[in-house]
Amino acid sequence: MNITDKQLIRISLIISILGLLLLYLFYSISEIPESSLSRVNEEFVDENIRVKGEVVNVDHIPNSNITIITLEQQVKKKVVVYDDITVPLNKEVIVTGTVSSYKGEEQITAKEIEVS
């Protein structure tokens, strides 16, 4: 059986499209489930997490692009953002990021912040 160049291109295109569709499907299924701020502890260090909380404090570190947001939802946790951003106080936000530990305290290094 001889495969022509045209047939080979069609097969390659179909396989590529199917691969992209599978990647999209896996991405949409693998969304990080929302967790409670009270569950952010040493067990979750280096894990991705998604939490919701009320912004109770925002600190901009002088001479840097670091913003530290304090969220509250039964407990208070700090969220570190390596960007100089403005977040409204007393608003609920959803933070997706990685749990880290700094000076014995767990915090979240934000990858994405949504104001709800």
C-alpha atoms as a PDB file:
ATOM      1  CA  MET A   1       0.000   0.000   0.000  1.00  0.00           C
ATOM      2  CA  ASN A   2       1.472   3.277  -1.104  1.00  0.00           C
ATOM      3  CA  ILE A   3       0.614   6.434   0.810  1.00  0.00           C
ATOM      4  CA  THR A   4       0.785   9.625  -1.181  1.00  0.00           C
ATOM      5  CA  ASP A   5       2.088  12.875   0.217  1.00  0.00           C
ATOM      6  CA  LYS A   6      -1.433  14.284   0.231  1.00  0.00           C
ATOM      7  CA  GLN A   7      -2.729  11.361   2.311  1.00  0.00           C
ATOM      8  CA  LEU A   8       0.192  11.649   4.714  1.00  0.00           C
ATOM      9  CA  ILE A   9      -0.523  15.350   5.239  1.00  0.00           C
ATOM     10  CA  ARG A  10      -4.221  14.623   5.907  1.00  0.00           C
ATOM     11  CA  ILE A  11      -3.380  11.883   8.425  1.00  0.00           C
ATOM     12  CA  SER A  12      -0.875  14.162  10.182  1.00  0.00           C
ATOM     13  CA  LEU A  13      -3.400  16.999  10.318  1.00  0.00           C
ATOM     14  CA  ILE A  14      -6.135  14.758  11.749  1.00  0.00           C
ATOM     15  CA  ILE A  15      -3.809  13.339  14.410  1.00  0.00           C
ATOM     16  CA  SER A  16      -2.625  16.860  15.337  1.00  0.00           C
ATOM     17  CA  ILE A  17      -6.194  18.131  15.714  1.00  0.00           C
ATOM     18  CA  LEU A  18      -7.157  15.104  17.821  1.00  0.00           C
ATOM     19  CA  GLY A  19      -4.101  15.664  20.015  1.00  0.00           C
ATOM     20  CA  LEU A  20      -5.011  19.324  20.572  1.00  0.00           C
ATOM     21  CA  LEU A  21      -8.590  18.372  21.440  1.00  0.00           C
ATOM     22  CA  LEU A  22      -7.345  15.810  23.979  1.00  0.00           C
ATOM     23  CA  LEU A  23      -5.010  18.375  25.550  1.00  0.00           C
ATOM     24  CA  TYR A  24      -7.888  20.843  25.867  1.00  0.00           C
ATOM     25  CA  LEU A  25     -10.087  18.160  27.427  1.00  0.00           C
ATOM     26  CA  PHE A  26      -7.418  17.207  29.986  1.00  0.00           C
ATOM     27  CA  TYR A  27      -6.808  20.871  30.802  1.00  0.00           C
ATOM     28  CA  SER A  28     -10.490  21.596  31.411  1.00  0.00           C
ATOM     29  CA  ILE A  29     -10.874  18.510  33.623  1.00  0.00           C
ATOM     30  CA  SER A  30      -7.728  19.193  35.670  1.00  0.00           C
ATOM     31  CA  GLU A  31      -8.889  22.489  37.204  1.00  0.00           C
ATOM     32  CA  ILE A  32      -7.697  22.832  40.786  1.00  0.00           C
ATOM     33  CA  PRO A  33     -10.613  22.341  43.218  1.00  0.00           C
ATOM     34  CA  GLU A  34     -11.339  25.159  45.654  1.00  0.00           C
ATOM     35  CA  SER A  35     -10.084  24.613  49.185  1.00  0.00           C
ATOM     36  CA  SER A  36     -10.547  26.378  52.509  1.00  0.00           C
ATOM     37  CA  LEU A  37      -7.929  28.790  53.873  1.00  0.00           C
ATOM     38  CA  SER A  38      -7.910  26.811  57.107  1.00  0.00           C
ATOM     39  CA  ARG A  39      -6.552  23.807  55.177  1.00  0.00           C
ATOM     40  CA  VAL A  40      -3.432  25.720  54.074  1.00  0.00           C
ATOM     41  CA  ASN A  41      -0.777  24.090  56.225  1.00  0.00           C
ATOM     42  CA  GLU A  42       2.628  22.404  56.010  1.00  0.00           C
ATOM     43  CA  GLU A  43       1.084  19.362  54.300  1.00  0.00           C
ATOM     44  CA  PHE A  44       0.291  21.483  51.241  1.00  0.00           C
ATOM     45  CA  VAL A  45       3.742  23.097  50.793  1.00  0.00           C
ATOM     46  CA  ASP A  46       4.713  23.057  47.092  1.00  0.00           C
ATOM     47  CA  GLU A  47       1.158  22.047  46.120  1.00  0.00           C
ATOM     48  CA  ASN A  48      -1.150  24.045  43.874  1.00  0.00           C
ATOM     49  CA  ILE A  49      -4.235  25.331  45.641  1.00  0.00           C
ATOM     50  CA  ARG A  50      -7.276  27.492  44.963  1.00  0.00           C
ATOM     51  CA  VAL A  51      -8.824  29.426  47.860  1.00  0.00           C
ATOM     52  CA  LYS A  52     -11.447  32.079  48.410  1.00  0.00           C
ATOM     53  CA  GLY A  53     -11.254  34.775  51.054  1.00  0.00           C
ATOM     54  CA  GLU A  54     -11.909  38.388  51.922  1.00  0.00           C
ATOM     55  CA  VAL A  55      -9.081  40.889  51.437  1.00  0.00           C
ATOM     56  CA  VAL A  56      -8.422  42.467  54.853  1.00  0.00           C
ATOM     57  CA  ASN A  57      -5.027  44.050  54.178  1.00  0.00           C
ATOM     58  CA  VAL A  58      -2.799  44.917  51.216  1.00  0.00           C
ATOM     59  CA  ASP A  59       0.897  45.812  51.660  1.00  0.00           C
ATOM     60  CA  HIS A  60       3.088  47.035  48.828  1.00  0.00           C
ATOM     61  CA  ILE A  61       6.774  46.400  49.540  1.00  0.00           C
ATOM     62  CA  PRO A  62       8.715  49.606  48.770  1.00  0.00           C
ATOM     63  CA  ASN A  63      11.250  49.522  45.919  1.00  0.00           C
ATOM     64  CA  SER A  64      10.011  46.159  44.666  1.00  0.00           C
ATOM     65  CA  ASN A  65       7.210  44.603  42.669  1.00  0.00           C
ATOM     66  CA  ILE A  66       5.917  42.557  45.596  1.00  0.00           C
ATOM     67  CA  THR A  67       2.430  42.870  47.032  1.00  0.00           C
ATOM     68  CA  ILE A  68       1.362  40.987  50.154  1.00  0.00           C
ATOM     69  CA  ILE A  69      -2.358  40.454  50.542  1.00  0.00           C
ATOM     70  CA  THR A  70      -3.919  39.159  53.756  1.00  0.00           C
ATOM     71  CA  LEU A  71      -7.001  37.017  53.170  1.00  0.00           C
ATOM     72  CA  GLU A  72      -9.494  36.011  55.818  1.00  0.00           C
ATOM     73  CA  GLN A  73     -11.920  33.091  55.842  1.00  0.00           C
ATOM     74  CA  GLN A  74     -12.146  31.872  59.457  1.00  0.00           C
ATOM     75  CA  VAL A  75      -8.324  32.183  59.533  1.00  0.00           C
ATOM     76  CA  LYS A  76      -5.925  34.717  58.027  1.00  0.00           C
ATOM     77  CA  LYS A  77      -3.298  33.766  55.456  1.00  0.00           C
ATOM     78  CA  LYS A  78      -0.877  35.841  53.441  1.00  0.00           C
ATOM     79  CA  VAL A  79      -0.797  35.792  49.675  1.00  0.00           C
ATOM     80  CA  VAL A  80       2.420  36.931  47.996  1.00  0.00           C
ATOM     81  CA  VAL A  81       2.128  38.439  44.526  1.00  0.00           C
ATOM     82  CA  TYR A  82       5.307  39.161  42.565  1.00  0.00           C
ATOM     83  CA  ASP A  83       3.709  42.141  40.896  1.00  0.00           C
ATOM     84  CA  ASP A  84       2.622  45.588  42.036  1.00  0.00           C
ATOM     85  CA  ILE A  85      -1.142  45.124  41.874  1.00  0.00           C
ATOM     86  CA  THR A  86      -4.164  46.867  43.305  1.00  0.00           C
ATOM     87  CA  VAL A  87      -6.705  44.707  45.093  1.00  0.00           C
ATOM     88  CA  PRO A  88      -9.820  46.222  46.681  1.00  0.00           C
ATOM     89  CA  LEU A  89     -10.144  45.874  50.453  1.00  0.00           C
ATOM     90  CA  ASN A  90     -13.135  44.023  51.912  1.00  0.00           C
ATOM     91  CA  LYS A  91     -13.804  42.264  48.596  1.00  0.00           C
ATOM     92  CA  GLU A  92     -13.858  38.516  48.126  1.00  0.00           C
ATOM     93  CA  VAL A  93     -11.169  37.121  45.838  1.00  0.00           C
ATOM     94  CA  ILE A  94     -10.288  33.690  44.505  1.00  0.00           C
ATOM     95  CA  VAL A  95      -6.556  32.972  44.530  1.00  0.00           C
ATOM     96  CA  THR A  96      -4.858  30.191  42.609  1.00  0.00           C
ATOM     97  CA  GLY A  97      -1.249  29.563  43.544  1.00  0.00           C
ATOM     98  CA  THR A  98       1.331  27.453  45.314  1.00  0.00           C
ATOM     99  CA  VAL A  99       1.605  26.979  49.071  1.00  0.00           C
ATOM    100  CA  SER A 100       5.002  27.901  50.483  1.00  0.00           C
ATOM    101  CA  SER A 101       6.484  28.411  53.911  1.00  0.00           C
ATOM    102  CA  TYR A 102       8.259  31.585  55.022  1.00  0.00           C
ATOM    103  CA  LYS A 103       9.672  31.949  58.525  1.00  0.00           C
ATOM    104  CA  GLY A 104       7.548  29.046  59.741  1.00  0.00           C
ATOM    105  CA  GLU A 105       4.290  30.462  58.357  1.00  0.00           C
ATOM    106  CA  GLU A 106       2.447  29.008  55.401  1.00  0.00           C
ATOM    107  CA  GLN A 107       1.554  31.439  52.654  1.00  0.00           C
ATOM    108  CA  ILE A 108       0.310  31.280  49.094  1.00  0.00           C
ATOM    109  CA  THR A 109       2.387  32.482  46.166  1.00  0.00           C
ATOM    110  CA  ALA A 110      -0.285  33.691  43.748  1.00  0.00           C
ATOM    111  CA  LYS A 111      -0.387  32.759  40.081  1.00  0.00           C
ATOM    112  CA  GLU A 112      -3.859  34.163  39.489  1.00  0.00           C
ATOM    113  CA  ILE A 113      -6.245  36.405  41.446  1.00  0.00           C
ATOM    114  CA  GLU A 114      -9.913  36.858  40.542  1.00  0.00           C
ATOM    115  CA  VAL A 115     -12.101  39.458  42.241  1.00  0.00           C
ATOM    116  CA  SER A 116     -15.539  37.936  42.763  1.00  0.00           C
END
